[in-house]
Amino acid sequence: MILIVCVDDHNGMMFNHRRQSQDRILRADILELTGGKKLWMNAYSRKQFAESDAEKIRVDETFLDAAGDGEFCFVENADVSGCVERIGEIYLYRWNRDYPADVYFPVDLSVWKCVETKEFAGSSHEKITRERYTR
């Protein structure tokens, strides 16, 4: 599976049961990145894509188990620590900010290789960095 995760400067993902931030241009980048392939997420994350009628979005509360090899998973509030062996690639979107956090991305990236970096201006953030990691 291919993970897509948004993090702050300290790999924080959420605070007080809420996403740290969201961005319309970032969502468009995710849809372009996935290129019409299946994009798995839970109902909480699907609310972000409400303006989008992306037909390839699959909603399942157990989406990390449901996703097949090579399929994308957008993760905001799910624990991925139990499926690290199944992850083939990781796309990290960095907010390039310090936000309060109480949920952190648990994958040790020191054993992964950053093979691609892309920076772009978002609708709510002047700079968002997308990093692609492979094993």
N, C-alpha and C. Protein backbone atom coordinates (compact mmCIF):
# COMPACT_ATOMS: atom_id res chain seq x y z
N MET A 1 0.84 -1.18 0.00
CA MET A 1 0.00 0.00 0.00
C MET A 1 0.88 1.23 0.00
N ILE A 2 0.29 2.33 -0.41
CA ILE A 2 1.00 3.61 -0.48
C ILE A 2 0.29 4.57 0.47
N LEU A 3 1.01 5.03 1.49
CA LEU A 3 0.42 5.94 2.47
C LEU A 3 0.55 7.39 2.02
N ILE A 4 -0.46 8.18 2.34
CA ILE A 4 -0.43 9.62 2.18
C ILE A 4 -0.78 10.20 3.54
N VAL A 5 0.13 11.02 4.10
CA VAL A 5 -0.03 11.53 5.45
C VAL A 5 0.39 13.00 5.49
N CYS A 6 -0.32 13.81 6.25
CA CYS A 6 0.04 15.22 6.47
C CYS A 6 0.61 15.37 7.87
N VAL A 7 1.76 16.03 7.97
CA VAL A 7 2.42 16.19 9.27
C VAL A 7 2.96 17.61 9.44
N ASP A 8 3.17 17.98 10.71
CA ASP A 8 3.82 19.25 11.01
C ASP A 8 5.33 19.03 11.12
N ASP A 9 6.05 20.01 11.61
CA ASP A 9 7.51 19.92 11.68
C ASP A 9 8.02 18.82 12.61
N HIS A 10 7.16 18.34 13.51
CA HIS A 10 7.56 17.30 14.46
C HIS A 10 6.82 15.98 14.20
N ASN A 11 6.32 15.82 12.98
CA ASN A 11 5.56 14.64 12.55
C ASN A 11 4.23 14.49 13.28
N GLY A 12 3.72 15.59 13.83
CA GLY A 12 2.40 15.57 14.43
C GLY A 12 1.32 15.50 13.37
N MET A 13 0.27 14.74 13.67
CA MET A 13 -0.82 14.55 12.71
C MET A 13 -2.14 15.16 13.20
N MET A 14 -2.39 15.07 14.50
CA MET A 14 -3.68 15.51 15.04
C MET A 14 -3.47 16.13 16.41
N PHE A 15 -4.47 16.90 16.82
CA PHE A 15 -4.48 17.47 18.16
C PHE A 15 -5.92 17.49 18.67
N ASN A 16 -6.12 16.93 19.84
CA ASN A 16 -7.44 16.92 20.46
C ASN A 16 -8.51 16.32 19.54
N HIS A 17 -8.19 15.20 18.90
CA HIS A 17 -9.10 14.46 18.01
C HIS A 17 -9.47 15.23 16.75
N ARG A 18 -8.65 16.20 16.36
CA ARG A 18 -8.92 16.95 15.13
C ARG A 18 -7.64 17.03 14.30
N ARG A 19 -7.82 17.09 12.98
CA ARG A 19 -6.66 17.28 12.10
C ARG A 19 -6.04 18.63 12.43
N GLN A 20 -4.75 18.74 12.24
CA GLN A 20 -4.07 19.99 12.53
C GLN A 20 -4.45 21.08 11.54
N SER A 21 -4.61 20.71 10.30
CA SER A 21 -4.88 21.68 9.26
C SER A 21 -5.44 20.95 8.05
N GLN A 22 -5.90 21.73 7.08
CA GLN A 22 -6.35 21.17 5.81
C GLN A 22 -6.15 22.24 4.74
N ASP A 23 -6.11 21.81 3.50
CA ASP A 23 -5.81 22.75 2.43
C ASP A 23 -6.42 22.23 1.13
N ARG A 24 -7.15 23.06 0.46
CA ARG A 24 -7.85 22.71 -0.78
C ARG A 24 -6.88 22.33 -1.91
N ILE A 25 -5.78 23.05 -2.04
CA ILE A 25 -4.81 22.75 -3.10
C ILE A 25 -4.08 21.45 -2.80
N LEU A 26 -3.83 21.17 -1.54
CA LEU A 26 -3.22 19.89 -1.16
C LEU A 26 -4.15 18.74 -1.54
N ARG A 27 -5.45 18.88 -1.30
CA ARG A 27 -6.39 17.83 -1.69
C ARG A 27 -6.37 17.61 -3.20
N ALA A 28 -6.30 18.69 -3.95
CA ALA A 28 -6.22 18.57 -5.41
C ALA A 28 -4.93 17.85 -5.81
N ASP A 29 -3.84 18.13 -5.11
CA ASP A 29 -2.57 17.46 -5.40
C ASP A 29 -2.67 15.97 -5.11
N ILE A 30 -3.36 15.60 -4.04
CA ILE A 30 -3.55 14.18 -3.71
C ILE A 30 -4.34 13.49 -4.82
N LEU A 31 -5.40 14.12 -5.27
CA LEU A 31 -6.22 13.51 -6.33
C LEU A 31 -5.43 13.39 -7.63
N GLU A 32 -4.59 14.38 -7.93
CA GLU A 32 -3.74 14.30 -9.12
C GLU A 32 -2.69 13.21 -8.95
N LEU A 33 -2.10 13.13 -7.77
CA LEU A 33 -1.09 12.12 -7.48
C LEU A 33 -1.64 10.71 -7.65
N THR A 34 -2.83 10.48 -7.17
CA THR A 34 -3.41 9.14 -7.23
C THR A 34 -3.90 8.81 -8.63
N GLY A 35 -4.07 9.80 -9.48
CA GLY A 35 -4.36 9.58 -10.89
C GLY A 35 -5.56 8.70 -11.19
N GLY A 36 -6.60 8.80 -10.41
CA GLY A 36 -7.79 8.01 -10.67
C GLY A 36 -7.74 6.60 -10.14
N LYS A 37 -6.62 6.24 -9.47
CA LYS A 37 -6.53 4.93 -8.84
C LYS A 37 -7.32 4.97 -7.52
N LYS A 38 -7.56 3.80 -6.94
CA LYS A 38 -8.29 3.75 -5.68
C LYS A 38 -7.55 4.54 -4.60
N LEU A 39 -8.31 5.34 -3.87
CA LEU A 39 -7.79 6.12 -2.75
C LEU A 39 -8.64 5.78 -1.54
N TRP A 40 -8.07 5.02 -0.61
CA TRP A 40 -8.78 4.56 0.57
C TRP A 40 -8.65 5.56 1.71
N MET A 41 -9.72 5.71 2.49
CA MET A 41 -9.71 6.55 3.68
C MET A 41 -10.93 6.21 4.52
N ASN A 42 -10.98 6.76 5.71
CA ASN A 42 -12.15 6.56 6.55
C ASN A 42 -13.13 7.72 6.37
N ALA A 43 -14.28 7.64 6.99
CA ALA A 43 -15.32 8.66 6.82
C ALA A 43 -14.88 10.02 7.34
N TYR A 44 -14.07 10.04 8.38
CA TYR A 44 -13.55 11.30 8.92
C TYR A 44 -12.78 12.05 7.84
N SER A 45 -11.90 11.36 7.14
CA SER A 45 -11.09 12.00 6.09
C SER A 45 -11.92 12.33 4.85
N ARG A 46 -12.90 11.52 4.54
CA ARG A 46 -13.73 11.75 3.35
C ARG A 46 -14.42 13.11 3.40
N LYS A 47 -14.71 13.59 4.62
CA LYS A 47 -15.36 14.90 4.77
C LYS A 47 -14.53 16.01 4.14
N GLN A 48 -13.21 15.85 4.12
CA GLN A 48 -12.36 16.86 3.48
C GLN A 48 -12.57 16.93 1.98
N PHE A 49 -12.94 15.83 1.39
CA PHE A 49 -13.08 15.73 -0.05
C PHE A 49 -14.53 15.92 -0.48
N ALA A 50 -15.33 16.54 0.35
CA ALA A 50 -16.76 16.69 0.07
C ALA A 50 -17.01 17.44 -1.23
N GLU A 51 -16.15 18.42 -1.56
CA GLU A 51 -16.35 19.18 -2.80
C GLU A 51 -15.95 18.36 -4.02
N SER A 52 -15.29 17.26 -3.77
CA SER A 52 -14.82 16.44 -4.88
C SER A 52 -15.72 15.23 -5.07
N ASP A 53 -16.04 14.96 -6.29
CA ASP A 53 -16.82 13.76 -6.58
C ASP A 53 -15.91 12.68 -7.16
N ALA A 54 -14.69 12.62 -6.61
CA ALA A 54 -13.72 11.63 -7.07
C ALA A 54 -14.30 10.24 -6.91
N GLU A 55 -14.54 9.60 -8.01
CA GLU A 55 -15.22 8.30 -8.00
C GLU A 55 -14.33 7.18 -7.46
N LYS A 56 -13.03 7.39 -7.40
CA LYS A 56 -12.13 6.33 -6.95
C LYS A 56 -11.89 6.35 -5.44
N ILE A 57 -12.48 7.30 -4.71
CA ILE A 57 -12.34 7.32 -3.26
C ILE A 57 -13.18 6.19 -2.66
N ARG A 58 -12.52 5.39 -1.84
CA ARG A 58 -13.19 4.28 -1.16
C ARG A 58 -13.17 4.57 0.34
N VAL A 59 -14.33 4.50 0.96
CA VAL A 59 -14.45 4.78 2.39
C VAL A 59 -14.72 3.49 3.14
N ASP A 60 -13.88 3.23 4.11
CA ASP A 60 -14.02 2.03 4.93
C ASP A 60 -13.30 2.31 6.24
N GLU A 61 -13.93 2.02 7.36
CA GLU A 61 -13.29 2.28 8.65
C GLU A 61 -12.10 1.35 8.88
N THR A 62 -12.01 0.27 8.15
CA THR A 62 -10.85 -0.63 8.23
C THR A 62 -10.05 -0.55 6.92
N PHE A 63 -9.91 0.67 6.40
CA PHE A 63 -9.31 0.87 5.07
C PHE A 63 -7.87 0.38 4.99
N LEU A 64 -7.13 0.42 6.09
CA LEU A 64 -5.74 -0.05 6.05
C LEU A 64 -5.68 -1.55 5.80
N ASP A 65 -6.69 -2.28 6.23
CA ASP A 65 -6.78 -3.71 5.96
C ASP A 65 -7.36 -3.97 4.57
N ALA A 66 -8.28 -3.12 4.14
CA ALA A 66 -8.98 -3.31 2.87
C ALA A 66 -8.12 -2.98 1.65
N ALA A 67 -7.19 -2.05 1.80
CA ALA A 67 -6.37 -1.61 0.67
C ALA A 67 -5.46 -2.73 0.18
N GLY A 68 -5.37 -2.84 -1.13
CA GLY A 68 -4.51 -3.84 -1.75
C GLY A 68 -3.13 -3.29 -2.04
N ASP A 69 -2.27 -4.14 -2.56
CA ASP A 69 -0.93 -3.73 -2.95
C ASP A 69 -1.00 -2.62 -3.98
N GLY A 70 -0.21 -1.58 -3.79
CA GLY A 70 -0.16 -0.48 -4.74
C GLY A 70 -1.32 0.49 -4.67
N GLU A 71 -2.24 0.29 -3.74
CA GLU A 71 -3.37 1.21 -3.59
C GLU A 71 -3.03 2.28 -2.55
N PHE A 72 -3.58 3.46 -2.75
CA PHE A 72 -3.30 4.61 -1.90
C PHE A 72 -4.22 4.63 -0.68
N CYS A 73 -3.65 5.07 0.46
CA CYS A 73 -4.41 5.25 1.70
C CYS A 73 -4.10 6.62 2.27
N PHE A 74 -5.12 7.46 2.41
CA PHE A 74 -4.96 8.76 3.04
C PHE A 74 -5.23 8.58 4.53
N VAL A 75 -4.20 8.85 5.35
CA VAL A 75 -4.27 8.57 6.78
C VAL A 75 -4.22 9.87 7.57
N GLU A 76 -5.24 10.08 8.39
CA GLU A 76 -5.23 11.24 9.30
C GLU A 76 -5.29 10.79 10.76
N ASN A 77 -6.22 9.91 11.07
CA ASN A 77 -6.43 9.54 12.47
C ASN A 77 -6.38 8.03 12.70
N ALA A 78 -5.79 7.30 11.79
CA ALA A 78 -5.67 5.85 11.93
C ALA A 78 -4.24 5.50 12.34
N ASP A 79 -4.10 4.47 13.13
CA ASP A 79 -2.79 4.01 13.58
C ASP A 79 -2.21 3.05 12.54
N VAL A 80 -1.11 3.43 11.93
CA VAL A 80 -0.48 2.61 10.89
C VAL A 80 0.61 1.69 11.43
N SER A 81 0.87 1.75 12.73
CA SER A 81 1.99 0.99 13.28
C SER A 81 1.83 -0.52 13.10
N GLY A 82 0.61 -1.02 12.96
CA GLY A 82 0.39 -2.44 12.78
C GLY A 82 0.51 -2.93 11.35
N CYS A 83 0.71 -2.02 10.41
CA CYS A 83 0.76 -2.45 9.00
C CYS A 83 2.00 -1.94 8.28
N VAL A 84 3.04 -1.59 9.01
CA VAL A 84 4.25 -1.03 8.42
C VAL A 84 4.85 -1.96 7.37
N GLU A 85 4.77 -3.26 7.59
CA GLU A 85 5.36 -4.23 6.65
C GLU A 85 4.68 -4.18 5.29
N ARG A 86 3.42 -3.76 5.26
CA ARG A 86 2.66 -3.72 4.00
C ARG A 86 2.88 -2.43 3.23
N ILE A 87 3.51 -1.44 3.84
CA ILE A 87 3.69 -0.14 3.20
C ILE A 87 4.84 -0.21 2.20
N GLY A 88 4.56 0.15 0.96
CA GLY A 88 5.59 0.16 -0.08
C GLY A 88 6.16 1.54 -0.32
N GLU A 89 5.32 2.56 -0.16
CA GLU A 89 5.74 3.95 -0.35
C GLU A 89 4.99 4.82 0.64
N ILE A 90 5.59 5.98 0.93
CA ILE A 90 4.95 6.96 1.80
C ILE A 90 5.07 8.33 1.14
N TYR A 91 3.96 9.02 1.04
CA TYR A 91 3.96 10.43 0.64
C TYR A 91 3.63 11.24 1.88
N LEU A 92 4.60 12.04 2.33
CA LEU A 92 4.39 12.93 3.46
C LEU A 92 4.19 14.34 2.94
N TYR A 93 3.09 14.93 3.33
CA TYR A 93 2.86 16.35 3.06
C TYR A 93 3.22 17.08 4.34
N ARG A 94 4.20 17.93 4.25
CA ARG A 94 4.66 18.69 5.42
C ARG A 94 4.06 20.09 5.38
N TRP A 95 3.43 20.45 6.50
CA TRP A 95 2.83 21.78 6.62
C TRP A 95 3.91 22.85 6.80
N ASN A 96 5.12 22.45 7.19
CA ASN A 96 6.22 23.40 7.44
C ASN A 96 5.84 24.40 8.52
N ARG A 97 5.20 23.88 9.55
CA ARG A 97 4.78 24.68 10.70
C ARG A 97 4.84 23.82 11.94
N ASP A 98 4.86 24.50 13.07
CA ASP A 98 4.78 23.86 14.37
C ASP A 98 3.35 23.97 14.87
N TYR A 99 2.65 22.86 14.93
CA TYR A 99 1.29 22.85 15.46
C TYR A 99 1.27 22.06 16.76
N PRO A 100 0.31 22.32 17.62
CA PRO A 100 0.14 21.41 18.77
C PRO A 100 -0.26 20.04 18.25
N ALA A 101 0.24 18.99 18.87
CA ALA A 101 -0.09 17.64 18.43
C ALA A 101 -0.12 16.69 19.62
N ASP A 102 -1.00 15.71 19.52
CA ASP A 102 -1.01 14.62 20.49
C ASP A 102 -1.07 13.26 19.79
N VAL A 103 -1.12 13.26 18.46
CA VAL A 103 -1.02 12.05 17.65
C VAL A 103 0.09 12.29 16.64
N TYR A 104 1.05 11.36 16.57
CA TYR A 104 2.22 11.52 15.72
C TYR A 104 2.32 10.38 14.72
N PHE A 105 2.96 10.66 13.59
CA PHE A 105 3.22 9.64 12.58
C PHE A 105 4.26 8.68 13.14
N PRO A 106 3.92 7.38 13.30
CA PRO A 106 4.78 6.46 14.03
C PRO A 106 5.87 5.75 13.23
N VAL A 107 5.93 5.96 11.92
CA VAL A 107 6.89 5.22 11.10
C VAL A 107 8.27 5.86 11.20
N ASP A 108 9.26 5.02 11.46
CA ASP A 108 10.65 5.47 11.53
C ASP A 108 11.18 5.68 10.12
N LEU A 109 11.28 6.92 9.70
CA LEU A 109 11.70 7.22 8.33
C LEU A 109 13.20 7.08 8.11
N SER A 110 13.96 6.83 9.17
CA SER A 110 15.41 6.68 9.00
C SER A 110 15.77 5.43 8.22
N VAL A 111 14.84 4.48 8.12
CA VAL A 111 15.10 3.26 7.35
C VAL A 111 14.47 3.35 5.95
N TRP A 112 13.94 4.50 5.61
CA TRP A 112 13.35 4.75 4.30
C TRP A 112 14.23 5.74 3.54
N LYS A 113 14.05 5.81 2.24
CA LYS A 113 14.84 6.72 1.41
C LYS A 113 13.90 7.76 0.79
N CYS A 114 14.21 9.03 0.99
CA CYS A 114 13.45 10.11 0.35
C CYS A 114 13.93 10.22 -1.09
N VAL A 115 13.05 9.92 -2.04
CA VAL A 115 13.45 9.87 -3.45
C VAL A 115 12.88 11.02 -4.27
N GLU A 116 12.02 11.82 -3.67
CA GLU A 116 11.41 12.92 -4.42
C GLU A 116 10.89 13.97 -3.44
N THR A 117 11.07 15.23 -3.80
CA THR A 117 10.55 16.34 -3.01
C THR A 117 9.92 17.35 -3.96
N LYS A 118 8.76 17.83 -3.56
CA LYS A 118 8.06 18.84 -4.35
C LYS A 118 7.51 19.90 -3.38
N GLU A 119 7.74 21.17 -3.68
CA GLU A 119 7.18 22.25 -2.87
C GLU A 119 6.15 23.00 -3.70
N PHE A 120 5.07 23.40 -3.04
CA PHE A 120 4.05 24.20 -3.72
C PHE A 120 3.33 25.07 -2.71
N ALA A 121 2.70 26.12 -3.21
CA ALA A 121 1.91 27.00 -2.37
C ALA A 121 0.51 26.42 -2.25
N GLY A 122 0.01 26.37 -1.04
CA GLY A 122 -1.34 25.88 -0.82
C GLY A 122 -2.32 27.04 -0.74
N SER A 123 -3.56 26.73 -0.47
CA SER A 123 -4.58 27.78 -0.31
C SER A 123 -4.52 28.39 1.08
N SER A 124 -4.02 27.66 2.05
CA SER A 124 -3.95 28.17 3.42
C SER A 124 -2.52 28.18 3.97
N HIS A 125 -1.58 27.67 3.23
CA HIS A 125 -0.18 27.60 3.64
C HIS A 125 0.68 28.12 2.50
N GLU A 126 1.61 29.00 2.81
CA GLU A 126 2.45 29.56 1.75
C GLU A 126 3.40 28.53 1.16
N LYS A 127 3.74 27.50 1.94
CA LYS A 127 4.60 26.44 1.42
C LYS A 127 4.19 25.10 2.02
N ILE A 128 3.93 24.15 1.14
CA ILE A 128 3.68 22.76 1.53
C ILE A 128 4.73 21.93 0.81
N THR A 129 5.33 21.00 1.52
CA THR A 129 6.35 20.14 0.93
C THR A 129 5.83 18.71 0.87
N ARG A 130 5.90 18.13 -0.31
CA ARG A 130 5.53 16.72 -0.47
C ARG A 130 6.81 15.92 -0.65
N GLU A 131 6.99 14.92 0.22
CA GLU A 131 8.15 14.05 0.17
C GLU A 131 7.69 12.64 -0.14
N ARG A 132 8.41 11.96 -1.01
CA ARG A 132 8.09 10.57 -1.36
C ARG A 132 9.19 9.66 -0.84
N TYR A 133 8.80 8.67 -0.05
CA TYR A 133 9.74 7.73 0.55
C TYR A 133 9.50 6.32 0.00
N THR A 134 10.61 5.62 -0.23
CA THR A 134 10.54 4.21 -0.62
C THR A 134 11.47 3.43 0.29
N ARG A 135 11.32 2.13 0.27
CA ARG A 135 12.19 1.27 1.11
C ARG A 135 13.57 1.14 0.52
